[in-house]
PDB file of N, CA and C in Angstrom:
ATOM      1  N   MET A   1      96.861  85.750 104.757  1.00  0.00           N
ATOM      2  CA  MET A   1      96.453  85.130 103.512  1.00  0.00           C
ATOM      3  C   MET A   1      97.613  85.120 102.520  1.00  0.00           C
ATOM      4  N   VAL A   2      98.372  86.216 102.513  1.00  0.00           N
ATOM      5  CA  VAL A   2      99.490  86.313 101.584  1.00  0.00           C
ATOM      6  C   VAL A   2     100.526  85.237 101.876  1.00  0.00           C
ATOM      7  N   GLU A   3     100.847  85.046 103.142  1.00  0.00           N
ATOM      8  CA  GLU A   3     101.866  84.059 103.505  1.00  0.00           C
ATOM      9  C   GLU A   3     101.445  82.638 103.125  1.00  0.00           C
ATOM     10  N   CYS A   4     100.198  82.308 103.337  1.00  0.00           N
ATOM     11  CA  CYS A   4      99.711  80.957 102.994  1.00  0.00           C
ATOM     12  C   CYS A   4      99.740  80.720 101.491  1.00  0.00           C
ATOM     13  N   THR A   5      99.258  81.683 100.727  1.00  0.00           N
ATOM     14  CA  THR A   5      99.257  81.504  99.273  1.00  0.00           C
ATOM     15  C   THR A   5     100.676  81.549  98.718  1.00  0.00           C
ATOM     16  N   LYS A   6     101.560  82.280  99.390  1.00  0.00           N
ATOM     17  CA  LYS A   6     102.958  82.317  98.960  1.00  0.00           C
ATOM     18  C   LYS A   6     103.600  80.940  99.133  1.00  0.00           C
ATOM     19  N   LYS A   7     103.280  80.262 100.226  1.00  0.00           N
ATOM     20  CA  LYS A   7     103.809  78.912 100.444  1.00  0.00           C
ATOM     21  C   LYS A   7     103.314  77.950  99.362  1.00  0.00           C
ATOM     22  N   ILE A   8     102.052  78.085  99.003  1.00  0.00           N
ATOM     23  CA  ILE A   8     101.493  77.228  97.954  1.00  0.00           C
ATOM     24  C   ILE A   8     102.165  77.517  96.622  1.00  0.00           C
ATOM     25  N   ALA A   9     102.394  78.798  96.336  1.00  0.00           N
ATOM     26  CA  ALA A   9     103.021  79.185  95.066  1.00  0.00           C
ATOM     27  C   ALA A   9     104.442  78.642  94.958  1.00  0.00           C
ATOM     28  N   LYS A  10     105.129  78.534  96.089  1.00  0.00           N
ATOM     29  CA  LYS A  10     106.512  78.060  96.073  1.00  0.00           C
ATOM     30  C   LYS A  10     106.629  76.542  95.922  1.00  0.00           C
ATOM     31  N   LEU A  11     105.512  75.844  95.857  1.00  0.00           N
ATOM     32  CA  LEU A  11     105.538  74.397  95.644  1.00  0.00           C
ATOM     33  C   LEU A  11     105.822  74.039  94.187  1.00  0.00           C
ATOM     34  N   ASP A  12     105.853  75.038  93.325  1.00  0.00           N
ATOM     35  CA  ASP A  12     106.113  74.852  91.897  1.00  0.00           C
ATOM     36  C   ASP A  12     105.086  73.925  91.243  1.00  0.00           C
ATOM     37  N   LEU A  13     103.838  74.095  91.613  1.00  0.00           N
ATOM     38  CA  LEU A  13     102.741  73.361  91.005  1.00  0.00           C
ATOM     39  C   LEU A  13     101.822  74.351  90.293  1.00  0.00           C
ATOM     40  N   GLU A  14     101.062  73.863  89.353  1.00  0.00           N
ATOM     41  CA  GLU A  14     100.075  74.701  88.667  1.00  0.00           C
ATOM     42  C   GLU A  14      98.992  75.100  89.673  1.00  0.00           C
ATOM     43  N   LEU A  15      98.744  76.390  89.819  1.00  0.00           N
ATOM     44  CA  LEU A  15      97.700  76.845  90.731  1.00  0.00           C
ATOM     45  C   LEU A  15      96.341  76.770  90.044  1.00  0.00           C
ATOM     46  N   THR A  16      95.335  76.477  90.852  1.00  0.00           N
ATOM     47  CA  THR A  16      93.973  76.493  90.320  1.00  0.00           C
ATOM     48  C   THR A  16      93.534  77.948  90.168  1.00  0.00           C
ATOM     49  N   VAL A  17      92.409  78.145  89.526  1.00  0.00           N
ATOM     50  CA  VAL A  17      91.880  79.501  89.336  1.00  0.00           C
ATOM     51  C   VAL A  17      91.622  80.154  90.692  1.00  0.00           C
ATOM     52  N   GLU A  18      91.074  79.404  91.632  1.00  0.00           N
ATOM     53  CA  GLU A  18      90.792  79.942  92.961  1.00  0.00           C
ATOM     54  C   GLU A  18      92.068  80.323  93.689  1.00  0.00           C
ATOM     55  N   GLU A  19      93.091  79.489  93.598  1.00  0.00           N
ATOM     56  CA  GLU A  19      94.373  79.791  94.243  1.00  0.00           C
ATOM     57  C   GLU A  19      95.023  81.027  93.633  1.00  0.00           C
ATOM     58  N   ARG A  20      94.960  81.127  92.312  1.00  0.00           N
ATOM     59  CA  ARG A  20      95.506  82.316  91.644  1.00  0.00           C
ATOM     60  C   ARG A  20      94.784  83.572  92.109  1.00  0.00           C
ATOM     61  N   ASN A  21      93.471  83.499  92.187  1.00  0.00           N
ATOM     62  CA  ASN A  21      92.690  84.652  92.619  1.00  0.00           C
ATOM     63  C   ASN A  21      92.980  85.030  94.069  1.00  0.00           C
ATOM     64  N   LEU A  22      93.142  84.033  94.932  1.00  0.00           N
ATOM     65  CA  LEU A  22      93.487  84.314  96.327  1.00  0.00           C
ATOM     66  C   LEU A  22      94.848  84.999  96.434  1.00  0.00           C
ATOM     67  N   LEU A  23      95.797  84.525  95.668  1.00  0.00           N
ATOM     68  CA  LEU A  23      97.127  85.141  95.665  1.00  0.00           C
ATOM     69  C   LEU A  23      97.029  86.588  95.211  1.00  0.00           C
ATOM     70  N   PHE A  24      96.307  86.819  94.132  1.00  0.00           N
ATOM     71  CA  PHE A  24      96.165  88.162  93.586  1.00  0.00           C
ATOM     72  C   PHE A  24      95.459  89.088  94.579  1.00  0.00           C
ATOM     73  N   VAL A  25      94.355  88.646  95.148  1.00  0.00           N
ATOM     74  CA  VAL A  25      93.588  89.479  96.079  1.00  0.00           C
ATOM     75  C   VAL A  25      94.397  89.768  97.345  1.00  0.00           C
ATOM     76  N   GLY A  26      95.114  88.769  97.828  1.00  0.00           N
ATOM     77  CA  GLY A  26      95.940  88.975  99.019  1.00  0.00           C
ATOM     78  C   GLY A  26      96.979  90.060  98.813  1.00  0.00           C
ATOM     79  N   TYR A  27      97.719  89.964  97.730  1.00  0.00           N
ATOM     80  CA  TYR A  27      98.735  90.980  97.454  1.00  0.00           C
ATOM     81  C   TYR A  27      98.100  92.329  97.116  1.00  0.00           C
ATOM     82  N   LYS A  28      96.990  92.306  96.434  1.00  0.00           N
ATOM     83  CA  LYS A  28      96.302  93.553  96.091  1.00  0.00           C
ATOM     84  C   LYS A  28      95.889  94.294  97.363  1.00  0.00           C
ATOM     85  N   ASN A  29      95.371  93.569  98.344  1.00  0.00           N
ATOM     86  CA  ASN A  29      94.960  94.187  99.600  1.00  0.00           C
ATOM     87  C   ASN A  29      96.149  94.748 100.373  1.00  0.00           C
ATOM     88  N   VAL A  30      97.232  94.004 100.437  1.00  0.00           N
ATOM     89  CA  VAL A  30      98.413  94.462 101.161  1.00  0.00           C
ATOM     90  C   VAL A  30      99.003  95.698 100.489  1.00  0.00           C
ATOM     91  N   ILE A  31      99.129  95.649  99.179  1.00  0.00           N
ATOM     92  CA  ILE A  31      99.693  96.781  98.436  1.00  0.00           C
ATOM     93  C   ILE A  31      98.747  97.979  98.516  1.00  0.00           C
ATOM     94  N   GLY A  32      97.452  97.748  98.442  1.00  0.00           N
ATOM     95  CA  GLY A  32      96.487  98.836  98.535  1.00  0.00           C
ATOM     96  C   GLY A  32      96.556  99.556  99.869  1.00  0.00           C
ATOM     97  N   ALA A  33      96.724  98.808 100.949  1.00  0.00           N
ATOM     98  CA  ALA A  33      96.837  99.420 102.278  1.00  0.00           C
ATOM     99  C   ALA A  33      98.098 100.267 102.381  1.00  0.00           C
ATOM    100  N   CYS A  34      99.202  99.762 101.851  1.00  0.00           N
ATOM    101  CA  CYS A  34     100.457 100.524 101.880  1.00  0.00           C
ATOM    102  C   CYS A  34     100.345 101.788 101.035  1.00  0.00           C
ATOM    103  N   ARG A  35      99.741 101.670  99.879  1.00  0.00           N
ATOM    104  CA  ARG A  35      99.574 102.842  99.006  1.00  0.00           C
ATOM    105  C   ARG A  35      98.689 103.888  99.666  1.00  0.00           C
ATOM    106  N   ALA A  36      97.624 103.451 100.324  1.00  0.00           N
ATOM    107  CA  ALA A  36      96.738 104.390 101.013  1.00  0.00           C
ATOM    108  C   ALA A  36      97.493 105.113 102.128  1.00  0.00           C
ATOM    109  N   SER A  37      98.308 104.376 102.880  1.00  0.00           N
ATOM    110  CA  SER A  37      99.117 104.991 103.931  1.00  0.00           C
ATOM    111  C   SER A  37     100.073 106.015 103.349  1.00  0.00           C
ATOM    112  N   TRP A  38     100.699 105.654 102.246  1.00  0.00           N
ATOM    113  CA  TRP A  38     101.648 106.563 101.605  1.00  0.00           C
ATOM    114  C   TRP A  38     100.950 107.844 101.158  1.00  0.00           C
ATOM    115  N   CYS A  39      99.778 107.717 100.566  1.00  0.00           N
ATOM    116  CA  CYS A  39      99.026 108.897 100.091  1.00  0.00           C
ATOM    117  C   CYS A  39      98.641 109.812 101.248  1.00  0.00           C
ATOM    118  N   ILE A  40      98.192 109.243 102.331  1.00  0.00           N
ATOM    119  CA  ILE A  40      97.816 110.035 103.498  1.00  0.00           C
ATOM    120  C   ILE A  40      99.031 110.763 104.060  1.00  0.00           C
ATOM    121  N   MET A  41     100.150 110.054 104.159  1.00  0.00           N
ATOM    122  CA  MET A  41     101.366 110.687 104.677  1.00  0.00           C
ATOM    123  C   MET A  41     101.859 111.800 103.763  1.00  0.00           C
ATOM    124  N   SER A  42     101.756 111.600 102.475  1.00  0.00           N
ATOM    125  CA  SER A  42     102.172 112.640 101.530  1.00  0.00           C
ATOM    126  C   SER A  42     101.304 113.884 101.679  1.00  0.00           C
ATOM    127  N   SER A  43     100.020 113.670 101.864  1.00  0.00           N
ATOM    128  CA  SER A  43      99.107 114.788 102.056  1.00  0.00           C
ATOM    129  C   SER A  43      99.430 115.549 103.342  1.00  0.00           C
ATOM    130  N   ILE A  44      99.645 114.821 104.424  1.00  0.00           N
ATOM    131  CA  ILE A  44      99.996 115.457 105.700  1.00  0.00           C
ATOM    132  C   ILE A  44     101.326 116.186 105.586  1.00  0.00           C
ATOM    133  N   GLU A  45     102.257 115.583 104.884  1.00  0.00           N
ATOM    134  CA  GLU A  45     103.574 116.206 104.689  1.00  0.00           C
ATOM    135  C   GLU A  45     103.436 117.553 103.970  1.00  0.00           C
ATOM    136  N   GLN A  46     102.625 117.589 102.937  1.00  0.00           N
ATOM    137  CA  GLN A  46     102.421 118.837 102.201  1.00  0.00           C
ATOM    138  C   GLN A  46     101.777 119.904 103.081  1.00  0.00           C
ATOM    139  N   LYS A  47     100.808 119.506 103.898  1.00  0.00           N
ATOM    140  CA  LYS A  47     100.157 120.458 104.803  1.00  0.00           C
ATOM    141  C   LYS A  47     101.147 121.005 105.831  1.00  0.00           C
ATOM    142  N   GLU A  48     101.977 120.127 106.367  1.00  0.00           N
ATOM    143  CA  GLU A  48     102.959 120.561 107.362  1.00  0.00           C
ATOM    144  C   GLU A  48     104.017 121.464 106.732  1.00  0.00           C
ATOM    145  N   GLU A  49     104.395 121.172 105.485  1.00  0.00           N
ATOM    146  CA  GLU A  49     105.353 122.039 104.796  1.00  0.00           C
ATOM    147  C   GLU A  49     104.771 123.426 104.579  1.00  0.00           C
ATOM    148  N   SER A  50     103.489 123.487 104.233  1.00  0.00           N
ATOM    149  CA  SER A  50     102.861 124.797 104.008  1.00  0.00           C
ATOM    150  C   SER A  50     102.740 125.586 105.306  1.00  0.00           C
ATOM    151  N   LYS A  51     102.626 124.881 106.439  1.00  0.00           N
ATOM    152  CA  LYS A  51     102.566 125.547 107.740  1.00  0.00           C
ATOM    153  C   LYS A  51     103.957 125.944 108.237  1.00  0.00           C
ATOM    154  N   GLY A  52     104.995 125.340 107.670  1.00  0.00           N
ATOM    155  CA  GLY A  52     106.361 125.637 108.091  1.00  0.00           C
ATOM    156  C   GLY A  52     106.837 124.812 109.270  1.00  0.00           C
ATOM    157  N   ASN A  53     106.206 123.703 109.549  1.00  0.00           N
ATOM    158  CA  ASN A  53     106.600 122.824 110.666  1.00  0.00           C
ATOM    159  C   ASN A  53     107.672 121.838 110.194  1.00  0.00           C
ATOM    160  N   GLU A  54     108.902 122.309 110.180  1.00  0.00           N
ATOM    161  CA  GLU A  54     109.994 121.492 109.644  1.00  0.00           C
ATOM    162  C   GLU A  54     110.257 120.229 110.460  1.00  0.00           C
ATOM    163  N   GLN A  55     110.066 120.295 111.766  1.00  0.00           N
ATOM    164  CA  GLN A  55     110.288 119.114 112.598  1.00  0.00           C
ATOM    165  C   GLN A  55     109.287 118.012 112.246  1.00  0.00           C
ATOM    166  N   ASN A  56     108.017 118.378 112.065  1.00  0.00           N
ATOM    167  CA  ASN A  56     107.001 117.393 111.683  1.00  0.00           C
ATOM    168  C   ASN A  56     107.256 116.856 110.280  1.00  0.00           C
ATOM    169  N   VAL A  57     107.697 117.729 109.380  1.00  0.00           N
ATOM    170  CA  VAL A  57     107.984 117.306 108.008  1.00  0.00           C
ATOM    171  C   VAL A  57     109.096 116.271 108.006  1.00  0.00           C
ATOM    172  N   LYS A  58     110.104 116.493 108.816  1.00  0.00           N
ATOM    173  CA  LYS A  58     111.225 115.547 108.889  1.00  0.00           C
ATOM    174  C   LYS A  58     110.749 114.180 109.385  1.00  0.00           C
ATOM    175  N   LEU A  59     109.904 114.173 110.412  1.00  0.00           N
ATOM    176  CA  LEU A  59     109.377 112.913 110.945  1.00  0.00           C
ATOM    177  C   LEU A  59     108.510 112.188 109.912  1.00  0.00           C
ATOM    178  N   ILE A  60     107.677 112.946 109.231  1.00  0.00           N
ATOM    179  CA  ILE A  60     106.786 112.346 108.238  1.00  0.00           C
ATOM    180  C   ILE A  60     107.581 111.780 107.069  1.00  0.00           C
ATOM    181  N   LYS A  61     108.601 112.506 106.607  1.00  0.00           N
ATOM    182  CA  LYS A  61     109.434 112.011 105.505  1.00  0.00           C
ATOM    183  C   LYS A  61     110.123 110.709 105.887  1.00  0.00           C
ATOM    184  N   ASN A  62     110.605 110.651 107.124  1.00  0.00           N
ATOM    185  CA  ASN A  62     111.273 109.439 107.602  1.00  0.00           C
ATOM    186  C   ASN A  62     110.303 108.260 107.591  1.00  0.00           C
ATOM    187  N   TYR A  63     109.102 108.471 108.121  1.00  0.00           N
ATOM    188  CA  TYR A  63     108.120 107.389 108.162  1.00  0.00           C
ATOM    189  C   TYR A  63     107.640 107.019 106.759  1.00  0.00           C
ATOM    190  N   ARG A  64     107.452 108.035 105.906  1.00  0.00           N
ATOM    191  CA  ARG A  64     107.023 107.769 104.532  1.00  0.00           C
ATOM    192  C   ARG A  64     108.054 106.931 103.792  1.00  0.00           C
ATOM    193  N   SER A  65     109.334 107.189 104.032  1.00  0.00           N
ATOM    194  CA  SER A  65     110.374 106.393 103.370  1.00  0.00           C
ATOM    195  C   SER A  65     110.329 104.938 103.847  1.00  0.00           C
ATOM    196  N   LYS A  66     109.964 104.712 105.100  1.00  0.00           N
ATOM    197  CA  LYS A  66     109.821 103.341 105.601  1.00  0.00           C
ATOM    198  C   LYS A  66     108.657 102.632 104.910  1.00  0.00           C
ATOM    199  N   VAL A  67     107.563 103.350 104.707  1.00  0.00           N
ATOM    200  CA  VAL A  67     106.414 102.770 104.015  1.00  0.00           C
ATOM    201  C   VAL A  67     106.773 102.480 102.561  1.00  0.00           C
ATOM    202  N   GLU A  68     107.512 103.387 101.920  1.00  0.00           N
ATOM    203  CA  GLU A  68     107.962 103.160 100.540  1.00  0.00           C
ATOM    204  C   GLU A  68     108.847 101.925 100.452  1.00  0.00           C
ATOM    205  N   GLU A  69     109.723 101.759 101.438  1.00  0.00           N
ATOM    206  CA  GLU A  69     110.598 100.588 101.455  1.00  0.00           C
ATOM    207  C   GLU A  69     109.791  99.305 101.630  1.00  0.00           C
ATOM    208  N   GLU A  70     108.806  99.337 102.519  1.00  0.00           N
ATOM    209  CA  GLU A  70     107.943  98.172 102.727  1.00  0.00           C
ATOM    210  C   GLU A  70     107.165  97.838 101.457  1.00  0.00           C
ATOM    211  N   LEU A  71     106.637  98.842 100.804  1.00  0.00           N
ATOM    212  CA  LEU A  71     105.898  98.638  99.564  1.00  0.00           C
ATOM    213  C   LEU A  71     106.792  98.058  98.481  1.00  0.00           C
ATOM    214  N   SER A  72     107.996  98.553  98.409  1.00  0.00           N
ATOM    215  CA  SER A  72     108.955  98.036  97.437  1.00  0.00           C
ATOM    216  C   SER A  72     109.283  96.563  97.705  1.00  0.00           C
ATOM    217  N   MET A  73     109.458  96.207  98.961  1.00  0.00           N
ATOM    218  CA  MET A  73     109.776  94.819  99.315  1.00  0.00           C
ATOM    219  C   MET A  73     108.605  93.886  98.984  1.00  0.00           C
ATOM    220  N   ILE A  74     107.385  94.342  99.197  1.00  0.00           N
ATOM    221  CA  ILE A  74     106.210  93.529  98.869  1.00  0.00           C
ATOM    222  C   ILE A  74     106.154  93.286  97.365  1.00  0.00           C
ATOM    223  N   CYS A  75     106.397  94.325  96.592  1.00  0.00           N
ATOM    224  CA  CYS A  75     106.360  94.198  95.130  1.00  0.00           C
ATOM    225  C   CYS A  75     107.469  93.274  94.628  1.00  0.00           C
ATOM    226  N   ILE A  76     108.661  93.419  95.183  1.00  0.00           N
ATOM    227  CA  ILE A  76     109.774  92.543  94.800  1.00  0.00           C
ATOM    228  C   ILE A  76     109.435  91.093  95.152  1.00  0.00           C
ATOM    229  N   ASP A  77     108.800  90.897  96.301  1.00  0.00           N
ATOM    230  CA  ASP A  77     108.427  89.560  96.755  1.00  0.00           C
ATOM    231  C   ASP A  77     107.491  88.874  95.757  1.00  0.00           C
ATOM    232  N   ILE A  78     106.428  89.548  95.364  1.00  0.00           N
ATOM    233  CA  ILE A  78     105.473  88.919  94.442  1.00  0.00           C
ATOM    234  C   ILE A  78     106.089  88.740  93.061  1.00  0.00           C
ATOM    235  N   LEU A  79     106.883  89.697  92.614  1.00  0.00           N
ATOM    236  CA  LEU A  79     107.520  89.551  91.302  1.00  0.00           C
ATOM    237  C   LEU A  79     108.497  88.376  91.280  1.00  0.00           C
ATOM    238  N   THR A  80     109.206  88.177  92.370  1.00  0.00           N
ATOM    239  CA  THR A  80     110.129  87.043  92.474  1.00  0.00           C
ATOM    240  C   THR A  80     109.361  85.721  92.439  1.00  0.00           C
ATOM    241  N   ILE A  81     108.273  85.650  93.173  1.00  0.00           N
ATOM    242  CA  ILE A  81     107.464  84.434  93.185  1.00  0.00           C
ATOM    243  C   ILE A  81     106.908  84.146  91.792  1.00  0.00           C
ATOM    244  N   ILE A  82     106.442  85.185  91.125  1.00  0.00           N
ATOM    245  CA  ILE A  82     105.899  84.999  89.775  1.00  0.00           C
ATOM    246  C   ILE A  82     106.987  84.520  88.825  1.00  0.00           C
ATOM    247  N   ASP A  83     108.146  85.173  88.849  1.00  0.00           N
ATOM    248  CA  ASP A  83     109.226  84.839  87.915  1.00  0.00           C
ATOM    249  C   ASP A  83     109.854  83.476  88.184  1.00  0.00           C
ATOM    250  N   GLU A  84     110.054  83.148  89.456  1.00  0.00           N
ATOM    251  CA  GLU A  84     110.800  81.932  89.793  1.00  0.00           C
ATOM    252  C   GLU A  84     109.927  80.692  89.964  1.00  0.00           C
ATOM    253  N   HIS A  85     108.663  80.868  90.312  1.00  0.00           N
ATOM    254  CA  HIS A  85     107.837  79.709  90.627  1.00  0.00           C
ATOM    255  C   HIS A  85     106.597  79.577  89.744  1.00  0.00           C
ATOM    256  N   LEU A  86     105.848  80.664  89.616  1.00  0.00           N
ATOM    257  CA  LEU A  86     104.543  80.536  88.971  1.00  0.00           C
ATOM    258  C   LEU A  86     104.613  80.430  87.455  1.00  0.00           C
ATOM    259  N   ILE A  87     105.370  81.296  86.811  1.00  0.00           N
ATOM    260  CA  ILE A  87     105.462  81.227  85.346  1.00  0.00           C
ATOM    261  C   ILE A  87     106.126  79.929  84.888  1.00  0.00           C
ATOM    262  N   PRO A  88     107.228  79.500  85.511  1.00  0.00           N
ATOM    263  CA  PRO A  88     107.822  78.226  85.059  1.00  0.00           C
ATOM    264  C   PRO A  88     106.901  77.011  85.258  1.00  0.00           C
ATOM    265  N   SER A  89     106.031  77.054  86.270  1.00  0.00           N
ATOM    266  CA  SER A  89     105.166  75.894  86.514  1.00  0.00           C
ATOM    267  C   SER A  89     103.810  76.016  85.822  1.00  0.00           C
ATOM    268  N   ALA A  90     103.559  77.121  85.147  1.00  0.00           N
ATOM    269  CA  ALA A  90     102.282  77.301  84.447  1.00  0.00           C
ATOM    270  C   ALA A  90     102.242  76.400  83.215  1.00  0.00           C
ATOM    271  N   THR A  91     101.189  75.628  83.099  1.00  0.00           N
ATOM    272  CA  THR A  91     101.065  74.722  81.957  1.00  0.00           C
ATOM    273  C   THR A  91     100.050  75.217  80.933  1.00  0.00           C
ATOM    274  N   SER A  92      99.165  76.091  81.352  1.00  0.00           N
ATOM    275  CA  SER A  92      98.163  76.589  80.405  1.00  0.00           C
ATOM    276  C   SER A  92      98.466  78.035  80.023  1.00  0.00           C
ATOM    277  N   GLY A  93      98.018  78.405  78.866  1.00  0.00           N
ATOM    278  CA  GLY A  93      98.200  79.773  78.411  1.00  0.00           C
ATOM    279  C   GLY A  93      97.460  80.759  79.279  1.00  0.00           C
ATOM    280  N   GLU A  94      96.313  80.344  79.798  1.00  0.00           N
ATOM    281  CA  GLU A  94      95.520  81.211  80.668  1.00  0.00           C
ATOM    282  C   GLU A  94      96.297  81.583  81.930  1.00  0.00           C
ATOM    283  N   SER A  95      96.956  80.604  82.541  1.00  0.00           N
ATOM    284  CA  SER A  95      97.758  80.860  83.737  1.00  0.00           C
ATOM    285  C   SER A  95      98.918  81.796  83.438  1.00  0.00           C
ATOM    286  N   THR A  96      99.612  81.516  82.361  1.00  0.00           N
ATOM    287  CA  THR A  96     100.779  82.333  81.986  1.00  0.00           C
ATOM    288  C   THR A  96     100.354  83.778  81.756  1.00  0.00           C
ATOM    289  N   ILE A  97      99.282  83.977  81.040  1.00  0.00           N
ATOM    290  CA  ILE A  97      98.797  85.336  80.771  1.00  0.00           C
ATOM    291  C   ILE A  97      98.388  86.022  82.078  1.00  0.00           C
ATOM    292  N   PHE A  98      97.746  85.306  82.960  1.00  0.00           N
ATOM    293  CA  PHE A  98      97.343  85.869  84.250  1.00  0.00           C
ATOM    294  C   PHE A  98      98.557  86.376  85.019  1.00  0.00           C
ATOM    295  N   TYR A  99      99.631  85.582  85.054  1.00  0.00           N
ATOM    296  CA  TYR A  99     100.832  85.992  85.788  1.00  0.00           C
ATOM    297  C   TYR A  99     101.519  87.180  85.130  1.00  0.00           C
ATOM    298  N   TYR A 100     101.545  87.211  83.826  1.00  0.00           N
ATOM    299  CA  TYR A 100     102.152  88.352  83.149  1.00  0.00           C
ATOM    300  C   TYR A 100     101.338  89.630  83.359  1.00  0.00           C
ATOM    301  N   LYS A 101     100.021  89.500  83.446  1.00  0.00           N
ATOM    302  CA  LYS A 101      99.180  90.668  83.681  1.00  0.00           C
ATOM    303  C   LYS A 101      99.414  91.247  85.080  1.00  0.00           C
ATOM    304  N   ILE A 102      99.691  90.392  86.040  1.00  0.00           N
ATOM    305  CA  ILE A 102      99.972  90.877  87.387  1.00  0.00           C
ATOM    306  C   ILE A 102     101.228  91.723  87.340  1.00  0.00           C
TER     307      ILE A 102
END
């Protein structure tokens, strides 16, 4: 869903309310899944540290950093789309405010 709405956003046209909502929900779901993964890994990491399992802690930190990098790239992606395509093509105040709120 994210990829399809991203293609529409890059057309530099005013998005309808439904298209804006689809874009928002798509990114919200992707970011929410990454955040949930990060939280679970952080919790497991803390438990392993308290047990003294340094080998497991090292593996978890490595994987957690990959999830952080993925989350960062997703956020940069949507911010770039908003800054370069959506805000410049917004014709109504409602659209502009919606993009700034994101």
